[in-house]
C-alpha atoms as a PDB file:
ATOM      1  CA  MET A   1     -16.971  13.292  18.843  1.00  0.00           C
ATOM      2  CA  SER A   2     -15.109  10.661  20.256  1.00  0.00           C
ATOM      3  CA  THR A   3     -13.063   8.604  18.374  1.00  0.00           C
ATOM      4  CA  LEU A   4     -13.507   4.876  18.098  1.00  0.00           C
ATOM      5  CA  ALA A   5     -10.493   2.758  19.717  1.00  0.00           C
ATOM      6  CA  PRO A   6      -9.336   0.902  16.335  1.00  0.00           C
ATOM      7  CA  LYS A   7      -8.172  -2.381  17.962  1.00  0.00           C
ATOM      8  CA  GLU A   8     -11.252  -2.794  19.683  1.00  0.00           C
ATOM      9  CA  THR A   9     -13.349  -1.669  17.013  1.00  0.00           C
ATOM     10  CA  LEU A  10     -11.386  -4.540  14.746  1.00  0.00           C
ATOM     11  CA  LEU A  11     -11.554  -7.581  17.606  1.00  0.00           C
ATOM     12  CA  GLN A  12     -15.439  -6.777  17.247  1.00  0.00           C
ATOM     13  CA  MET A  13     -15.777  -6.762  13.354  1.00  0.00           C
ATOM     14  CA  LEU A  14     -13.525 -10.051  13.218  1.00  0.00           C
ATOM     15  CA  HIS A  15     -15.659 -11.927  16.096  1.00  0.00           C
ATOM     16  CA  HIS A  16     -18.641 -11.518  13.757  1.00  0.00           C
ATOM     17  CA  LEU A  17     -16.786 -12.668  10.519  1.00  0.00           C
ATOM     18  CA  GLY A  18     -16.218 -15.590  13.016  1.00  0.00           C
ATOM     19  CA  PHE A  19     -12.431 -15.233  13.733  1.00  0.00           C
ATOM     20  CA  ASP A  20     -12.779 -15.374  17.577  1.00  0.00           C
ATOM     21  CA  ASP A  21      -9.193 -16.545  17.895  1.00  0.00           C
ATOM     22  CA  ALA A  22      -7.653 -13.334  16.410  1.00  0.00           C
ATOM     23  CA  GLN A  23      -5.000 -11.588  18.567  1.00  0.00           C
ATOM     24  CA  ILE A  24      -4.218  -8.088  17.259  1.00  0.00           C
ATOM     25  CA  GLU A  25      -0.708  -6.348  17.564  1.00  0.00           C
ATOM     26  CA  GLU A  26      -0.127  -2.558  17.414  1.00  0.00           C
ATOM     27  CA  LEU A  27       2.607  -0.984  15.680  1.00  0.00           C
ATOM     28  CA  ASP A  28       3.827   2.024  14.712  1.00  0.00           C
ATOM     29  CA  ILE A  29       5.056   1.877  10.979  1.00  0.00           C
ATOM     30  CA  GLU A  30       6.581   5.065   9.547  1.00  0.00           C
ATOM     31  CA  GLY A  31       3.922   7.166  11.991  1.00  0.00           C
ATOM     32  CA  GLN A  32       1.147   4.905  10.927  1.00  0.00           C
ATOM     33  CA  LEU A  33      -0.883   2.625  13.317  1.00  0.00           C
ATOM     34  CA  MET A  34      -0.694  -0.774  11.884  1.00  0.00           C
ATOM     35  CA  LEU A  35      -3.181  -3.439  13.317  1.00  0.00           C
ATOM     36  CA  ASP A  36      -1.145  -6.874  12.963  1.00  0.00           C
ATOM     37  CA  VAL A  37      -3.752  -9.662  12.948  1.00  0.00           C
ATOM     38  CA  LYS A  38      -2.781 -13.433  14.190  1.00  0.00           C
ATOM     39  CA  THR A  39      -5.418 -16.286  13.497  1.00  0.00           C
ATOM     40  CA  ASP A  40      -5.073 -19.739  12.851  1.00  0.00           C
ATOM     41  CA  ASP A  41      -6.788 -19.140   9.442  1.00  0.00           C
ATOM     42  CA  PRO A  42      -4.789 -16.202   7.882  1.00  0.00           C
ATOM     43  CA  GLY A  43      -5.798 -17.197   4.342  1.00  0.00           C
ATOM     44  CA  ARG A  44      -9.009 -16.393   4.662  1.00  0.00           C
ATOM     45  CA  LEU A  45      -8.543 -12.993   6.171  1.00  0.00           C
ATOM     46  CA  ILE A  46      -6.072 -12.000   3.781  1.00  0.00           C
ATOM     47  CA  GLY A  47      -8.237 -13.215   0.558  1.00  0.00           C
ATOM     48  CA  ARG A  48      -6.944 -13.667  -2.897  1.00  0.00           C
ATOM     49  CA  GLN A  49      -3.695 -11.369  -3.450  1.00  0.00           C
ATOM     50  CA  GLY A  50      -4.642  -9.320  -0.245  1.00  0.00           C
ATOM     51  CA  SER A  51      -8.178  -8.348  -1.825  1.00  0.00           C
ATOM     52  CA  THR A  52     -10.025  -9.365   1.589  1.00  0.00           C
ATOM     53  CA  LEU A  53      -7.478  -7.639   3.870  1.00  0.00           C
ATOM     54  CA  GLY A  54      -7.756  -4.438   2.001  1.00  0.00           C
ATOM     55  CA  ASP A  55     -11.455  -4.590   1.770  1.00  0.00           C
ATOM     56  CA  LEU A  56     -11.610  -5.062   6.024  1.00  0.00           C
ATOM     57  CA  GLN A  57      -9.145  -2.271   5.910  1.00  0.00           C
ATOM     58  CA  TYR A  58     -11.313   0.037   3.978  1.00  0.00           C
ATOM     59  CA  LEU A  59     -14.330  -0.793   6.319  1.00  0.00           C
ATOM     60  CA  LEU A  60     -12.060  -0.211   9.508  1.00  0.00           C
ATOM     61  CA  ASN A  61     -10.906   3.073   8.565  1.00  0.00           C
ATOM     62  CA  ARG A  62     -14.289   4.379   7.212  1.00  0.00           C
ATOM     63  CA  ILE A  63     -15.660   2.974  10.697  1.00  0.00           C
ATOM     64  CA  ILE A  64     -13.236   4.978  12.525  1.00  0.00           C
ATOM     65  CA  HIS A  65     -13.034   7.943  10.687  1.00  0.00           C
ATOM     66  CA  ARG A  66     -16.522   8.701  10.168  1.00  0.00           C
ATOM     67  CA  GLY A  67     -15.811  11.459   7.488  1.00  0.00           C
ATOM     68  CA  ASP A  68     -12.897  12.903   9.949  1.00  0.00           C
ATOM     69  CA  GLU A  69      -9.815  12.934   7.193  1.00  0.00           C
ATOM     70  CA  SER A  70      -7.392  14.434   9.632  1.00  0.00           C
ATOM     71  CA  THR A  71      -7.133  11.049  11.535  1.00  0.00           C
ATOM     72  CA  PRO A  72      -4.259   8.954  10.151  1.00  0.00           C
ATOM     73  CA  ARG A  73      -5.079   5.990   8.172  1.00  0.00           C
ATOM     74  CA  ILE A  74      -4.857   2.654   9.862  1.00  0.00           C
ATOM     75  CA  VAL A  75      -2.990  -0.116   7.962  1.00  0.00           C
ATOM     76  CA  LEU A  76      -4.367  -3.951   8.635  1.00  0.00           C
ATOM     77  CA  ASP A  77      -1.766  -6.876   8.528  1.00  0.00           C
ATOM     78  CA  VAL A  78      -2.221 -10.457   8.727  1.00  0.00           C
ATOM     79  CA  GLY A  79       0.796 -12.226  10.081  1.00  0.00           C
ATOM     80  CA  GLY A  80       3.328 -10.148   8.445  1.00  0.00           C
ATOM     81  CA  TYR A  81       1.647 -10.364   4.809  1.00  0.00           C
ATOM     82  CA  ARG A  82       1.502  -6.763   4.168  1.00  0.00           C
ATOM     83  CA  ARG A  83       5.290  -6.181   5.240  1.00  0.00           C
ATOM     84  CA  GLN A  84       6.504  -9.078   3.430  1.00  0.00           C
ATOM     85  CA  ALA A  85       4.384  -7.980   0.386  1.00  0.00           C
ATOM     86  CA  ARG A  86       6.016  -4.400   0.945  1.00  0.00           C
ATOM     87  CA  GLU A  87       9.149  -5.363   0.835  1.00  0.00           C
ATOM     88  CA  GLN A  88       8.641  -7.381  -2.465  1.00  0.00           C
ATOM     89  CA  LEU A  89       6.934  -4.656  -4.190  1.00  0.00           C
ATOM     90  CA  ILE A  90       9.758  -2.234  -3.199  1.00  0.00           C
ATOM     91  CA  LYS A  91      12.696  -4.689  -4.491  1.00  0.00           C
ATOM     92  CA  ARG A  92      10.606  -5.204  -7.823  1.00  0.00           C
ATOM     93  CA  ALA A  93      10.214  -1.348  -8.077  1.00  0.00           C
ATOM     94  CA  LYS A  94      13.873  -0.995  -7.795  1.00  0.00           C
ATOM     95  CA  GLU A  95      14.946  -3.467 -10.055  1.00  0.00           C
ATOM     96  CA  GLY A  96      12.208  -1.961 -12.609  1.00  0.00           C
ATOM     97  CA  ALA A  97      14.157   1.353 -12.180  1.00  0.00           C
ATOM     98  CA  GLU A  98      17.572  -0.620 -12.677  1.00  0.00           C
ATOM     99  CA  LYS A  99      16.318  -1.907 -15.727  1.00  0.00           C
ATOM    100  CA  VAL A 100      14.867   1.621 -16.763  1.00  0.00           C
ATOM    101  CA  ARG A 101      18.442   3.527 -15.935  1.00  0.00           C
ATOM    102  CA  ARG A 102      20.289   0.638 -18.027  1.00  0.00           C
ATOM    103  CA  TRP A 103      18.242   0.308 -21.373  1.00  0.00           C
ATOM    104  CA  GLY A 104      16.505   4.003 -21.086  1.00  0.00           C
ATOM    105  CA  ASP A 105      12.782   2.467 -21.842  1.00  0.00           C
ATOM    106  CA  ILE A 106       9.701   2.736 -20.261  1.00  0.00           C
ATOM    107  CA  LEU A 107       8.779   0.154 -18.248  1.00  0.00           C
ATOM    108  CA  GLU A 108       5.075  -0.417 -17.238  1.00  0.00           C
ATOM    109  CA  LEU A 109       4.401  -2.207 -13.827  1.00  0.00           C
ATOM    110  CA  GLU A 110       1.996  -4.583 -13.083  1.00  0.00           C
ATOM    111  CA  PRO A 111      -1.821  -3.177 -12.225  1.00  0.00           C
ATOM    112  CA  MET A 112      -2.052  -2.459  -8.534  1.00  0.00           C
ATOM    113  CA  ASN A 113      -4.570  -1.047  -6.295  1.00  0.00           C
ATOM    114  CA  ALA A 114      -3.996   2.686  -4.606  1.00  0.00           C
ATOM    115  CA  TYR A 115      -1.863   1.102  -1.645  1.00  0.00           C
ATOM    116  CA  ASP A 116       0.830  -0.868  -3.525  1.00  0.00           C
ATOM    117  CA  ARG A 117       0.845   2.122  -5.775  1.00  0.00           C
ATOM    118  CA  ARG A 118       1.840   4.359  -2.953  1.00  0.00           C
ATOM    119  CA  ILE A 119       4.766   1.989  -2.089  1.00  0.00           C
ATOM    120  CA  VAL A 120       6.218   2.295  -5.341  1.00  0.00           C
ATOM    121  CA  HIS A 121       6.259   6.086  -5.367  1.00  0.00           C
ATOM    122  CA  GLN A 122       7.176   6.803  -2.153  1.00  0.00           C
ATOM    123  CA  ALA A 123      10.344   3.890  -3.037  1.00  0.00           C
ATOM    124  CA  LEU A 124      11.410   5.593  -5.822  1.00  0.00           C
ATOM    125  CA  LYS A 125      10.327   9.112  -5.062  1.00  0.00           C
ATOM    126  CA  ASP A 126      14.065  10.279  -4.301  1.00  0.00           C
ATOM    127  CA  ASP A 127      15.516   8.395  -7.854  1.00  0.00           C
ATOM    128  CA  PRO A 128      17.116  11.270  -9.395  1.00  0.00           C
ATOM    129  CA  ASP A 129      17.156   9.377 -12.524  1.00  0.00           C
ATOM    130  CA  ILE A 130      13.483   7.796 -12.511  1.00  0.00           C
ATOM    131  CA  GLU A 131       9.966   9.159 -12.808  1.00  0.00           C
ATOM    132  CA  THR A 132       6.846   7.328 -11.993  1.00  0.00           C
ATOM    133  CA  HIS A 133       3.596   7.978 -13.257  1.00  0.00           C
ATOM    134  CA  SER A 134       0.125   6.177 -12.339  1.00  0.00           C
ATOM    135  CA  VAL A 135      -2.067   5.419 -15.646  1.00  0.00           C
ATOM    136  CA  GLU A 136      -5.498   4.067 -15.704  1.00  0.00           C
ATOM    137  CA  VAL A 137      -6.159   0.675 -16.884  1.00  0.00           C
ATOM    138  CA  GLU A 138      -9.561   0.666 -18.905  1.00  0.00           C
ATOM    139  CA  GLY A 139     -12.411  -1.305 -17.333  1.00  0.00           C
ATOM    140  CA  SER A 140     -10.526  -1.916 -14.295  1.00  0.00           C
ATOM    141  CA  GLU A 141     -10.258   0.015 -10.569  1.00  0.00           C
ATOM    142  CA  LYS A 142      -6.575  -0.774 -10.936  1.00  0.00           C
ATOM    143  CA  LYS A 143      -3.851   1.580 -12.334  1.00  0.00           C
ATOM    144  CA  VAL A 144      -0.195   0.709 -13.855  1.00  0.00           C
ATOM    145  CA  ILE A 145       2.786   2.431 -12.793  1.00  0.00           C
ATOM    146  CA  LEU A 146       4.861   3.940 -15.781  1.00  0.00           C
ATOM    147  CA  LEU A 147       8.809   3.897 -14.340  1.00  0.00           C
ATOM    148  CA  ARG A 148      10.560   6.111 -16.830  1.00  0.00           C
ATOM    149  CA  PRO A 149      13.792   7.979 -17.044  1.00  0.00           C
ATOM    150  CA  ARG A 150      13.823  11.594 -15.391  1.00  0.00           C
ATOM    151  CA  ARG A 151      14.034  14.243 -17.851  1.00  0.00           C
ATOM    152  CA  HIS A 152      16.613  16.772 -16.398  1.00  0.00           C
ATOM    153  CA  PRO A 153      16.190  20.267 -17.492  1.00  0.00           C
ATOM    154  CA  ALA A 154      18.485  21.234 -20.233  1.00  0.00           C
ATOM    155  CA  PRO A 155      21.476  23.558 -19.067  1.00  0.00           C
ATOM    156  CA  SER A 156      20.470  27.214 -19.682  1.00  0.00           C
ATOM    157  CA  GLN A 157      22.574  28.937 -22.016  1.00  0.00           C
ATOM    158  CA  ALA A 158      24.411  31.937 -20.868  1.00  0.00           C
ATOM    159  CA  ASN A 159      25.243  34.785 -23.849  1.00  0.00           C
END
């Protein structure tokens, strides 16, 4: 089975959505293909809190992969929106971790989609003092992340 070219497929999708002026730049971000779309109407393509962008990314991945999960996921961006949102999310996660470290309390971050949760988990995975856990929000597809002090194993008592 031949794989479809992500950039060309996205251009066709955008054309059908009325974005004939769109230009796409291919970037390698941490081993993932990112397609950054430049258009005169980025807000319409991003949608409220990135929802349209997320839906478009989901559809593109479904079309490209056609059930072949070994193919790397494609990340869509519009005019650097996701890069900027990612940086802000990492900043908020680290600030939250600092509060947990300082006060020792559990901190609940706002409900997030899977893409954003992955960013937070990745940002804090090497922090020796903080654990992250995703928890379902009742009646929603989104989950929250709980930041809590990492439970260090008790030193073994040698007799």
